[in-house]
């Protein structure tokens, strides 16, 4: 079994999601729009996961935001609130 191939595929997907989230958040910031919650990001990127009937699960984006937070690129404004880019992320994206 070639596990390394699948690992590379997963890492490529994660990197693409991180770039998409950061790019969207940067564009929102540049347009002076309100900061985004995971549900907003999921809807913009069309990756909200439907579960239990009509309830949407935004855990994919929540996980990406936590990864980016560990890298110092985003922070949450308030508990259960929207997320914003850090100065570090803004410098990287400009």
PDB file of N, CA and C in Angstrom:
ATOM      1  N   UNK A   1       0.839  -1.174   0.000  1.00  0.00           N
ATOM      2  CA  UNK A   1       0.000   0.000   0.000  1.00  0.00           C
ATOM      3  C   UNK A   1       0.890   1.247   0.000  1.00  0.00           C
ATOM      4  N   UNK A   2       0.540   2.210  -0.833  1.00  0.00           N
ATOM      5  CA  UNK A   2       1.334   3.433  -0.970  1.00  0.00           C
ATOM      6  C   UNK A   2       0.697   4.569  -0.166  1.00  0.00           C
ATOM      7  N   UNK A   3       0.875   4.540   1.141  1.00  0.00           N
ATOM      8  CA  UNK A   3       0.283   5.530   2.038  1.00  0.00           C
ATOM      9  C   UNK A   3       0.818   6.938   1.766  1.00  0.00           C
ATOM     10  N   UNK A   4       2.086   7.047   1.409  1.00  0.00           N
ATOM     11  CA  UNK A   4       2.679   8.370   1.202  1.00  0.00           C
ATOM     12  C   UNK A   4       1.953   9.137   0.095  1.00  0.00           C
ATOM     13  N   UNK A   5       1.466   8.427  -0.899  1.00  0.00           N
ATOM     14  CA  UNK A   5       0.714   9.068  -1.983  1.00  0.00           C
ATOM     15  C   UNK A   5      -0.552   9.718  -1.439  1.00  0.00           C
ATOM     16  N   UNK A   6      -1.250   9.021  -0.564  1.00  0.00           N
ATOM     17  CA  UNK A   6      -2.493   9.542   0.009  1.00  0.00           C
ATOM     18  C   UNK A   6      -2.219  10.678   0.985  1.00  0.00           C
ATOM     19  N   UNK A   7      -1.139  10.554   1.717  1.00  0.00           N
ATOM     20  CA  UNK A   7      -0.750  11.617   2.648  1.00  0.00           C
ATOM     21  C   UNK A   7      -0.451  12.898   1.868  1.00  0.00           C
ATOM     22  N   UNK A   8       0.273  12.794   0.776  1.00  0.00           N
ATOM     23  CA  UNK A   8       0.590  13.949  -0.063  1.00  0.00           C
ATOM     24  C   UNK A   8      -0.690  14.576  -0.613  1.00  0.00           C
ATOM     25  N   UNK A   9      -1.607  13.742  -1.035  1.00  0.00           N
ATOM     26  CA  UNK A   9      -2.885  14.225  -1.552  1.00  0.00           C
ATOM     27  C   UNK A   9      -3.644  14.993  -0.470  1.00  0.00           C
ATOM     28  N   UNK A  10      -3.673  14.454   0.740  1.00  0.00           N
ATOM     29  CA  UNK A  10      -4.364  15.112   1.859  1.00  0.00           C
ATOM     30  C   UNK A  10      -3.694  16.433   2.199  1.00  0.00           C
ATOM     31  N   UNK A  11      -2.371  16.464   2.244  1.00  0.00           N
ATOM     32  CA  UNK A  11      -1.647  17.695   2.560  1.00  0.00           C
ATOM     33  C   UNK A  11      -1.877  18.763   1.491  1.00  0.00           C
ATOM     34  N   UNK A  12      -1.937  18.345   0.240  1.00  0.00           N
ATOM     35  CA  UNK A  12      -2.211  19.277  -0.857  1.00  0.00           C
ATOM     36  C   UNK A  12      -3.605  19.879  -0.696  1.00  0.00           C
ATOM     37  N   UNK A  13      -4.574  19.039  -0.331  1.00  0.00           N
ATOM     38  CA  UNK A  13      -5.940  19.515  -0.114  1.00  0.00           C
ATOM     39  C   UNK A  13      -6.020  20.500   1.048  1.00  0.00           C
ATOM     40  N   UNK A  14      -5.337  20.186   2.144  1.00  0.00           N
ATOM     41  CA  UNK A  14      -5.326  21.094   3.298  1.00  0.00           C
ATOM     42  C   UNK A  14      -4.706  22.439   2.946  1.00  0.00           C
ATOM     43  N   UNK A  15      -3.608  22.399   2.223  1.00  0.00           N
ATOM     44  CA  UNK A  15      -2.944  23.642   1.814  1.00  0.00           C
ATOM     45  C   UNK A  15      -3.867  24.470   0.929  1.00  0.00           C
ATOM     46  N   UNK A  16      -4.572  23.818   0.015  1.00  0.00           N
ATOM     47  CA  UNK A  16      -5.503  24.535  -0.864  1.00  0.00           C
ATOM     48  C   UNK A  16      -6.640  25.158  -0.067  1.00  0.00           C
ATOM     49  N   UNK A  17      -7.175  24.437   0.913  1.00  0.00           N
ATOM     50  CA  UNK A  17      -8.233  24.983   1.753  1.00  0.00           C
ATOM     51  C   UNK A  17      -7.733  26.174   2.567  1.00  0.00           C
ATOM     52  N   UNK A  18      -6.540  26.051   3.131  1.00  0.00           N
ATOM     53  CA  UNK A  18      -5.976  27.154   3.900  1.00  0.00           C
ATOM     54  C   UNK A  18      -5.811  28.391   3.022  1.00  0.00           C
ATOM     55  N   UNK A  19      -5.297  28.215   1.816  1.00  0.00           N
ATOM     56  CA  UNK A  19      -5.118  29.336   0.896  1.00  0.00           C
ATOM     57  C   UNK A  19      -6.450  29.964   0.521  1.00  0.00           C
ATOM     58  N   UNK A  20      -7.469  29.142   0.311  1.00  0.00           N
ATOM     59  CA  UNK A  20      -8.795  29.650  -0.042  1.00  0.00           C
ATOM     60  C   UNK A  20      -9.381  30.464   1.106  1.00  0.00           C
ATOM     61  N   UNK A  21      -9.263  29.957   2.320  1.00  0.00           N
ATOM     62  CA  UNK A  21      -9.797  30.657   3.496  1.00  0.00           C
ATOM     63  C   UNK A  21      -9.061  31.979   3.702  1.00  0.00           C
ATOM     64  N   UNK A  22      -7.741  31.955   3.653  1.00  0.00           N
ATOM     65  CA  UNK A  22      -6.963  33.185   3.829  1.00  0.00           C
ATOM     66  C   UNK A  22      -7.277  34.200   2.731  1.00  0.00           C
ATOM     67  N   UNK A  23      -7.375  33.742   1.499  1.00  0.00           N
ATOM     68  CA  UNK A  23      -7.686  34.639   0.382  1.00  0.00           C
ATOM     69  C   UNK A  23      -9.049  35.285   0.533  1.00  0.00           C
ATOM     70  N   UNK A  24     -10.031  34.496   0.924  1.00  0.00           N
ATOM     71  CA  UNK A  24     -11.376  35.029   1.131  1.00  0.00           C
ATOM     72  C   UNK A  24     -11.379  36.045   2.268  1.00  0.00           C
ATOM     73  N   UNK A  25     -10.728  35.711   3.370  1.00  0.00           N
ATOM     74  CA  UNK A  25     -10.683  36.621   4.507  1.00  0.00           C
ATOM     75  C   UNK A  25      -9.960  37.921   4.147  1.00  0.00           C
ATOM     76  N   UNK A  26      -8.932  37.828   3.325  1.00  0.00           N
ATOM     77  CA  UNK A  26      -8.202  39.025   2.895  1.00  0.00           C
ATOM     78  C   UNK A  26      -9.089  39.906   2.014  1.00  0.00           C
ATOM     79  N   UNK A  27      -9.818  39.287   1.097  1.00  0.00           N
ATOM     80  CA  UNK A  27     -10.705  40.045   0.215  1.00  0.00           C
ATOM     81  C   UNK A  27     -11.814  40.732   1.017  1.00  0.00           C
ATOM     82  N   UNK A  28     -12.372  40.022   1.983  1.00  0.00           N
ATOM     83  CA  UNK A  28     -13.403  40.601   2.845  1.00  0.00           C
ATOM     84  C   UNK A  28     -12.838  41.808   3.587  1.00  0.00           C
ATOM     85  N   UNK A  29     -11.628  41.671   4.086  1.00  0.00           N
ATOM     86  CA  UNK A  29     -10.978  42.773   4.811  1.00  0.00           C
ATOM     87  C   UNK A  29     -10.751  43.965   3.889  1.00  0.00           C
ATOM     88  N   UNK A  30     -10.254  43.714   2.689  1.00  0.00           N
ATOM     89  CA  UNK A  30      -9.970  44.792   1.732  1.00  0.00           C
ATOM     90  C   UNK A  30     -11.241  45.538   1.320  1.00  0.00           C
ATOM     91  N   UNK A  31     -12.370  44.832   1.341  1.00  0.00           N
ATOM     92  CA  UNK A  31     -13.652  45.442   0.974  1.00  0.00           C
ATOM     93  C   UNK A  31     -14.400  46.003   2.181  1.00  0.00           C
ATOM     94  N   UNK A  32     -13.717  46.069   3.327  1.00  0.00           N
ATOM     95  CA  UNK A  32     -14.297  46.614   4.561  1.00  0.00           C
ATOM     96  C   UNK A  32     -15.603  45.939   4.956  1.00  0.00           C
ATOM     97  N   UNK A  33     -15.690  44.636   4.722  1.00  0.00           N
ATOM     98  CA  UNK A  33     -16.865  43.875   5.132  1.00  0.00           C
ATOM     99  C   UNK A  33     -16.659  43.348   6.548  1.00  0.00           C
ATOM    100  N   UNK A  34     -17.740  42.912   7.162  1.00  0.00           N
ATOM    101  CA  UNK A  34     -17.687  42.351   8.506  1.00  0.00           C
ATOM    102  C   UNK A  34     -16.852  41.076   8.512  1.00  0.00           C
ATOM    103  N   UNK A  35     -16.119  40.801   9.614  1.00  0.00           N
ATOM    104  CA  UNK A  35     -15.377  39.543   9.735  1.00  0.00           C
ATOM    105  C   UNK A  35     -16.308  38.335   9.587  1.00  0.00           C
ATOM    106  N   UNK A  36     -15.744  37.209   9.178  1.00  0.00           N
ATOM    107  CA  UNK A  36     -16.533  36.022   8.861  1.00  0.00           C
ATOM    108  C   UNK A  36     -16.498  34.971   9.962  1.00  0.00           C
ATOM    109  N   UNK A  37     -17.613  34.269  10.099  1.00  0.00           N
ATOM    110  CA  UNK A  37     -17.702  33.095  10.962  1.00  0.00           C
ATOM    111  C   UNK A  37     -17.470  31.864  10.084  1.00  0.00           C
ATOM    112  N   UNK A  38     -17.174  30.713  10.694  1.00  0.00           N
ATOM    113  CA  UNK A  38     -16.985  29.500   9.900  1.00  0.00           C
ATOM    114  C   UNK A  38     -18.164  29.205   8.963  1.00  0.00           C
ATOM    115  N   UNK A  39     -19.377  29.477   9.429  1.00  0.00           N
ATOM    116  CA  UNK A  39     -20.555  29.224   8.573  1.00  0.00           C
ATOM    117  C   UNK A  39     -20.530  30.116   7.333  1.00  0.00           C
ATOM    118  N   UNK A  40     -20.108  31.375   7.485  1.00  0.00           N
ATOM    119  CA  UNK A  40     -20.015  32.289   6.348  1.00  0.00           C
ATOM    120  C   UNK A  40     -18.971  31.792   5.349  1.00  0.00           C
ATOM    121  N   UNK A  41     -17.814  31.418   5.874  1.00  0.00           N
ATOM    122  CA  UNK A  41     -16.723  30.948   5.013  1.00  0.00           C
ATOM    123  C   UNK A  41     -17.154  29.693   4.257  1.00  0.00           C
ATOM    124  N   UNK A  42     -17.790  28.770   4.954  1.00  0.00           N
ATOM    125  CA  UNK A  42     -18.268  27.534   4.320  1.00  0.00           C
ATOM    126  C   UNK A  42     -19.232  27.830   3.188  1.00  0.00           C
ATOM    127  N   UNK A  43     -20.124  28.777   3.410  1.00  0.00           N
ATOM    128  CA  UNK A  43     -21.106  29.126   2.374  1.00  0.00           C
ATOM    129  C   UNK A  43     -20.438  29.805   1.181  1.00  0.00           C
ATOM    130  N   UNK A  44     -19.528  30.746   1.451  1.00  0.00           N
ATOM    131  CA  UNK A  44     -18.810  31.405   0.349  1.00  0.00           C
ATOM    132  C   UNK A  44     -18.042  30.402  -0.492  1.00  0.00           C
ATOM    133  N   UNK A  45     -17.399  29.439   0.163  1.00  0.00           N
ATOM    134  CA  UNK A  45     -16.574  28.458  -0.559  1.00  0.00           C
ATOM    135  C   UNK A  45     -17.378  27.239  -1.011  1.00  0.00           C
ATOM    136  N   UNK A  46     -18.661  27.232  -0.696  1.00  0.00           N
ATOM    137  CA  UNK A  46     -19.576  26.165  -1.103  1.00  0.00           C
ATOM    138  C   UNK A  46     -19.104  24.788  -0.615  1.00  0.00           C
ATOM    139  N   UNK A  47     -18.705  24.727   0.664  1.00  0.00           N
ATOM    140  CA  UNK A  47     -18.285  23.436   1.222  1.00  0.00           C
ATOM    141  C   UNK A  47     -18.982  23.104   2.533  1.00  0.00           C
ATOM    142  N   UNK A  48     -20.130  23.729   2.770  1.00  0.00           N
ATOM    143  CA  UNK A  48     -20.910  23.375   3.951  1.00  0.00           C
ATOM    144  C   UNK A  48     -21.385  21.937   3.794  1.00  0.00           C
ATOM    145  N   UNK A  49     -21.296  21.172   4.862  1.00  0.00           N
ATOM    146  CA  UNK A  49     -21.673  19.767   4.831  1.00  0.00           C
ATOM    147  C   UNK A  49     -23.049  19.610   5.463  1.00  0.00           C
ATOM    148  N   UNK A  50     -23.989  19.087   4.699  1.00  0.00           N
ATOM    149  CA  UNK A  50     -25.333  18.873   5.210  1.00  0.00           C
ATOM    150  C   UNK A  50     -25.352  17.609   6.060  1.00  0.00           C
ATOM    151  N   UNK A  51     -25.841  17.745   7.273  1.00  0.00           N
ATOM    152  CA  UNK A  51     -25.947  16.577   8.148  1.00  0.00           C
ATOM    153  C   UNK A  51     -27.240  16.668   8.950  1.00  0.00           C
ATOM    154  N   UNK A  52     -27.767  15.541   9.341  1.00  0.00           N
ATOM    155  CA  UNK A  52     -29.003  15.476  10.133  1.00  0.00           C
ATOM    156  C   UNK A  52     -30.122  16.320   9.537  1.00  0.00           C
ATOM    157  N   UNK A  53     -30.546  15.974   8.377  1.00  0.00           N
ATOM    158  CA  UNK A  53     -31.642  16.701   7.764  1.00  0.00           C
ATOM    159  C   UNK A  53     -31.196  17.992   7.144  1.00  0.00           C
ATOM    160  N   UNK A  54     -31.570  19.117   7.758  1.00  0.00           N
ATOM    161  CA  UNK A  54     -31.236  20.413   7.182  1.00  0.00           C
ATOM    162  C   UNK A  54     -30.236  21.195   8.032  1.00  0.00           C
ATOM    163  N   UNK A  55     -29.532  20.519   8.934  1.00  0.00           N
ATOM    164  CA  UNK A  55     -28.534  21.172   9.773  1.00  0.00           C
ATOM    165  C   UNK A  55     -27.177  21.116   9.068  1.00  0.00           C
ATOM    166  N   UNK A  56     -26.518  22.264   8.970  1.00  0.00           N
ATOM    167  CA  UNK A  56     -25.217  22.306   8.314  1.00  0.00           C
ATOM    168  C   UNK A  56     -24.097  22.171   9.334  1.00  0.00           C
ATOM    169  N   UNK A  57     -23.047  21.484   8.924  1.00  0.00           N
ATOM    170  CA  UNK A  57     -21.890  21.250   9.772  1.00  0.00           C
ATOM    171  C   UNK A  57     -20.710  22.000   9.152  1.00  0.00           C
ATOM    172  N   UNK A  58     -20.121  22.881   9.936  1.00  0.00           N
ATOM    173  CA  UNK A  58     -19.027  23.712   9.441  1.00  0.00           C
ATOM    174  C   UNK A  58     -17.679  23.305  10.028  1.00  0.00           C
ATOM    175  N   UNK A  59     -17.579  22.066  10.467  1.00  0.00           N
ATOM    176  CA  UNK A  59     -16.370  21.613  11.161  1.00  0.00           C
ATOM    177  C   UNK A  59     -15.134  21.615  10.270  1.00  0.00           C
ATOM    178  N   UNK A  60     -15.301  21.447   8.981  1.00  0.00           N
ATOM    179  CA  UNK A  60     -14.137  21.475   8.087  1.00  0.00           C
ATOM    180  C   UNK A  60     -13.458  22.840   8.176  1.00  0.00           C
ATOM    181  N   UNK A  61     -14.238  23.902   8.053  1.00  0.00           N
ATOM    182  CA  UNK A  61     -13.675  25.245   8.106  1.00  0.00           C
ATOM    183  C   UNK A  61     -13.208  25.579   9.506  1.00  0.00           C
ATOM    184  N   UNK A  62     -13.938  25.137  10.515  1.00  0.00           N
ATOM    185  CA  UNK A  62     -13.509  25.375  11.895  1.00  0.00           C
ATOM    186  C   UNK A  62     -12.136  24.757  12.133  1.00  0.00           C
ATOM    187  N   UNK A  63     -11.911  23.579  11.605  1.00  0.00           N
ATOM    188  CA  UNK A  63     -10.611  22.922  11.737  1.00  0.00           C
ATOM    189  C   UNK A  63      -9.511  23.669  11.005  1.00  0.00           C
ATOM    190  N   UNK A  64      -9.814  24.164   9.818  1.00  0.00           N
ATOM    191  CA  UNK A  64      -8.836  24.947   9.056  1.00  0.00           C
ATOM    192  C   UNK A  64      -8.490  26.227   9.811  1.00  0.00           C
ATOM    193  N   UNK A  65      -9.501  26.890  10.375  1.00  0.00           N
ATOM    194  CA  UNK A  65      -9.244  28.110  11.142  1.00  0.00           C
ATOM    195  C   UNK A  65      -8.362  27.830  12.354  1.00  0.00           C
ATOM    196  N   UNK A  66      -8.577  26.722  13.020  1.00  0.00           N
ATOM    197  CA  UNK A  66      -7.739  26.366  14.178  1.00  0.00           C
ATOM    198  C   UNK A  66      -6.300  26.114  13.740  1.00  0.00           C
ATOM    199  N   UNK A  67      -6.114  25.462  12.599  1.00  0.00           N
ATOM    200  CA  UNK A  67      -4.761  25.239  12.072  1.00  0.00           C
ATOM    201  C   UNK A  67      -4.081  26.573  11.781  1.00  0.00           C
ATOM    202  N   UNK A  68      -4.823  27.482  11.146  1.00  0.00           N
ATOM    203  CA  UNK A  68      -4.269  28.800  10.818  1.00  0.00           C
ATOM    204  C   UNK A  68      -3.993  29.611  12.080  1.00  0.00           C
ATOM    205  N   UNK A  69      -4.823  29.418  13.100  1.00  0.00           N
ATOM    206  CA  UNK A  69      -4.598  30.098  14.378  1.00  0.00           C
ATOM    207  C   UNK A  69      -3.288  29.635  15.008  1.00  0.00           C
ATOM    208  N   UNK A  70      -3.007  28.352  14.934  1.00  0.00           N
ATOM    209  CA  UNK A  70      -1.753  27.814  15.477  1.00  0.00           C
ATOM    210  C   UNK A  70      -0.532  28.384  14.746  1.00  0.00           C
ATOM    211  N   UNK A  71      -0.720  28.751  13.484  1.00  0.00           N
ATOM    212  CA  UNK A  71       0.361  29.355  12.700  1.00  0.00           C
ATOM    213  C   UNK A  71       0.438  30.866  12.919  1.00  0.00           C
ATOM    214  N   UNK A  72      -0.483  31.400  13.716  1.00  0.00           N
ATOM    215  CA  UNK A  72      -0.487  32.835  13.995  1.00  0.00           C
ATOM    216  C   UNK A  72      -1.037  33.683  12.871  1.00  0.00           C
ATOM    217  N   UNK A  73      -1.872  33.088  12.003  1.00  0.00           N
ATOM    218  CA  UNK A  73      -2.378  33.810  10.837  1.00  0.00           C
ATOM    219  C   UNK A  73      -3.789  34.358  11.012  1.00  0.00           C
ATOM    220  N   UNK A  74      -4.562  33.776  11.911  1.00  0.00           N
ATOM    221  CA  UNK A  74      -5.911  34.258  12.183  1.00  0.00           C
ATOM    222  C   UNK A  74      -6.157  34.243  13.685  1.00  0.00           C
ATOM    223  N   UNK A  75      -7.175  35.013  14.086  1.00  0.00           N
ATOM    224  CA  UNK A  75      -7.598  34.976  15.481  1.00  0.00           C
ATOM    225  C   UNK A  75      -9.099  35.175  15.525  1.00  0.00           C
ATOM    226  N   UNK A  76      -9.687  34.633  16.583  1.00  0.00           N
ATOM    227  CA  UNK A  76     -11.120  34.760  16.750  1.00  0.00           C
ATOM    228  C   UNK A  76     -11.410  36.023  17.559  1.00  0.00           C
ATOM    229  N   UNK A  77     -12.335  36.834  17.079  1.00  0.00           N
ATOM    230  CA  UNK A  77     -12.644  38.116  17.709  1.00  0.00           C
ATOM    231  C   UNK A  77     -13.236  37.889  19.101  1.00  0.00           C
ATOM    232  N   UNK A  78     -14.234  37.019  19.189  1.00  0.00           N
ATOM    233  CA  UNK A  78     -14.858  36.658  20.462  1.00  0.00           C
ATOM    234  C   UNK A  78     -15.157  35.168  20.427  1.00  0.00           C
ATOM    235  N   UNK A  79     -15.369  34.582  21.582  1.00  0.00           N
ATOM    236  CA  UNK A  79     -15.717  33.162  21.624  1.00  0.00           C
ATOM    237  C   UNK A  79     -16.992  32.951  20.814  1.00  0.00           C
ATOM    238  N   UNK A  80     -16.954  31.984  19.924  1.00  0.00           N
ATOM    239  CA  UNK A  80     -18.065  31.659  19.026  1.00  0.00           C
ATOM    240  C   UNK A  80     -18.375  32.802  18.059  1.00  0.00           C
ATOM    241  N   UNK A  81     -17.422  33.721  17.922  1.00  0.00           N
ATOM    242  CA  UNK A  81     -17.622  34.868  17.044  1.00  0.00           C
ATOM    243  C   UNK A  81     -16.848  34.735  15.747  1.00  0.00           C
ATOM    244  N   UNK A  82     -16.753  35.831  15.006  1.00  0.00           N
ATOM    245  CA  UNK A  82     -16.051  35.822  13.726  1.00  0.00           C
ATOM    246  C   UNK A  82     -14.537  35.750  13.891  1.00  0.00           C
ATOM    247  N   UNK A  83     -13.875  35.498  12.784  1.00  0.00           N
ATOM    248  CA  UNK A  83     -12.418  35.386  12.724  1.00  0.00           C
ATOM    249  C   UNK A  83     -11.868  36.500  11.858  1.00  0.00           C
ATOM    250  N   UNK A  84     -10.651  36.946  12.183  1.00  0.00           N
ATOM    251  CA  UNK A  84      -9.970  37.978  11.402  1.00  0.00           C
ATOM    252  C   UNK A  84      -8.520  37.546  11.154  1.00  0.00           C
ATOM    253  N   UNK A  85      -7.941  38.166  10.148  1.00  0.00           N
ATOM    254  CA  UNK A  85      -6.531  37.935   9.851  1.00  0.00           C
ATOM    255  C   UNK A  85      -5.664  38.665  10.875  1.00  0.00           C
ATOM    256  N   UNK A  86      -4.530  38.106  11.191  1.00  0.00           N
ATOM    257  CA  UNK A  86      -3.551  38.787  12.037  1.00  0.00           C
ATOM    258  C   UNK A  86      -2.665  39.656  11.145  1.00  0.00           C
ATOM    259  N   UNK A  87      -1.887  40.520  11.766  1.00  0.00           N
ATOM    260  CA  UNK A  87      -0.949  41.345  10.986  1.00  0.00           C
ATOM    261  C   UNK A  87       0.030  40.466  10.213  1.00  0.00           C
ATOM    262  N   UNK A  88       0.418  39.351  10.808  1.00  0.00           N
ATOM    263  CA  UNK A  88       1.334  38.421  10.146  1.00  0.00           C
ATOM    264  C   UNK A  88       0.730  37.933   8.828  1.00  0.00           C
ATOM    265  N   UNK A  89      -0.546  37.561   8.846  1.00  0.00           N
ATOM    266  CA  UNK A  89      -1.215  37.078   7.641  1.00  0.00           C
ATOM    267  C   UNK A  89      -1.357  38.189   6.611  1.00  0.00           C
ATOM    268  N   UNK A  90      -1.685  39.378   7.079  1.00  0.00           N
ATOM    269  CA  UNK A  90      -1.871  40.511   6.151  1.00  0.00           C
ATOM    270  C   UNK A  90      -0.566  40.814   5.425  1.00  0.00           C
ATOM    271  N   UNK A  91       0.539  40.824   6.158  1.00  0.00           N
ATOM    272  CA  UNK A  91       1.849  41.051   5.510  1.00  0.00           C
ATOM    273  C   UNK A  91       2.146  39.970   4.481  1.00  0.00           C
ATOM    274  N   UNK A  92       1.784  38.746   4.802  1.00  0.00           N
ATOM    275  CA  UNK A  92       2.038  37.610   3.897  1.00  0.00           C
ATOM    276  C   UNK A  92       1.191  37.707   2.630  1.00  0.00           C
ATOM    277  N   UNK A  93      -0.017  38.249   2.736  1.00  0.00           N
ATOM    278  CA  UNK A  93      -0.949  38.271   1.614  1.00  0.00           C
ATOM    279  C   UNK A  93      -0.863  39.523   0.759  1.00  0.00           C
ATOM    280  N   UNK A  94      -0.253  40.574   1.282  1.00  0.00           N
ATOM    281  CA  UNK A  94      -0.174  41.832   0.515  1.00  0.00           C
ATOM    282  C   UNK A  94       0.798  41.724  -0.632  1.00  0.00           C
TER     283      UNK A  94
END
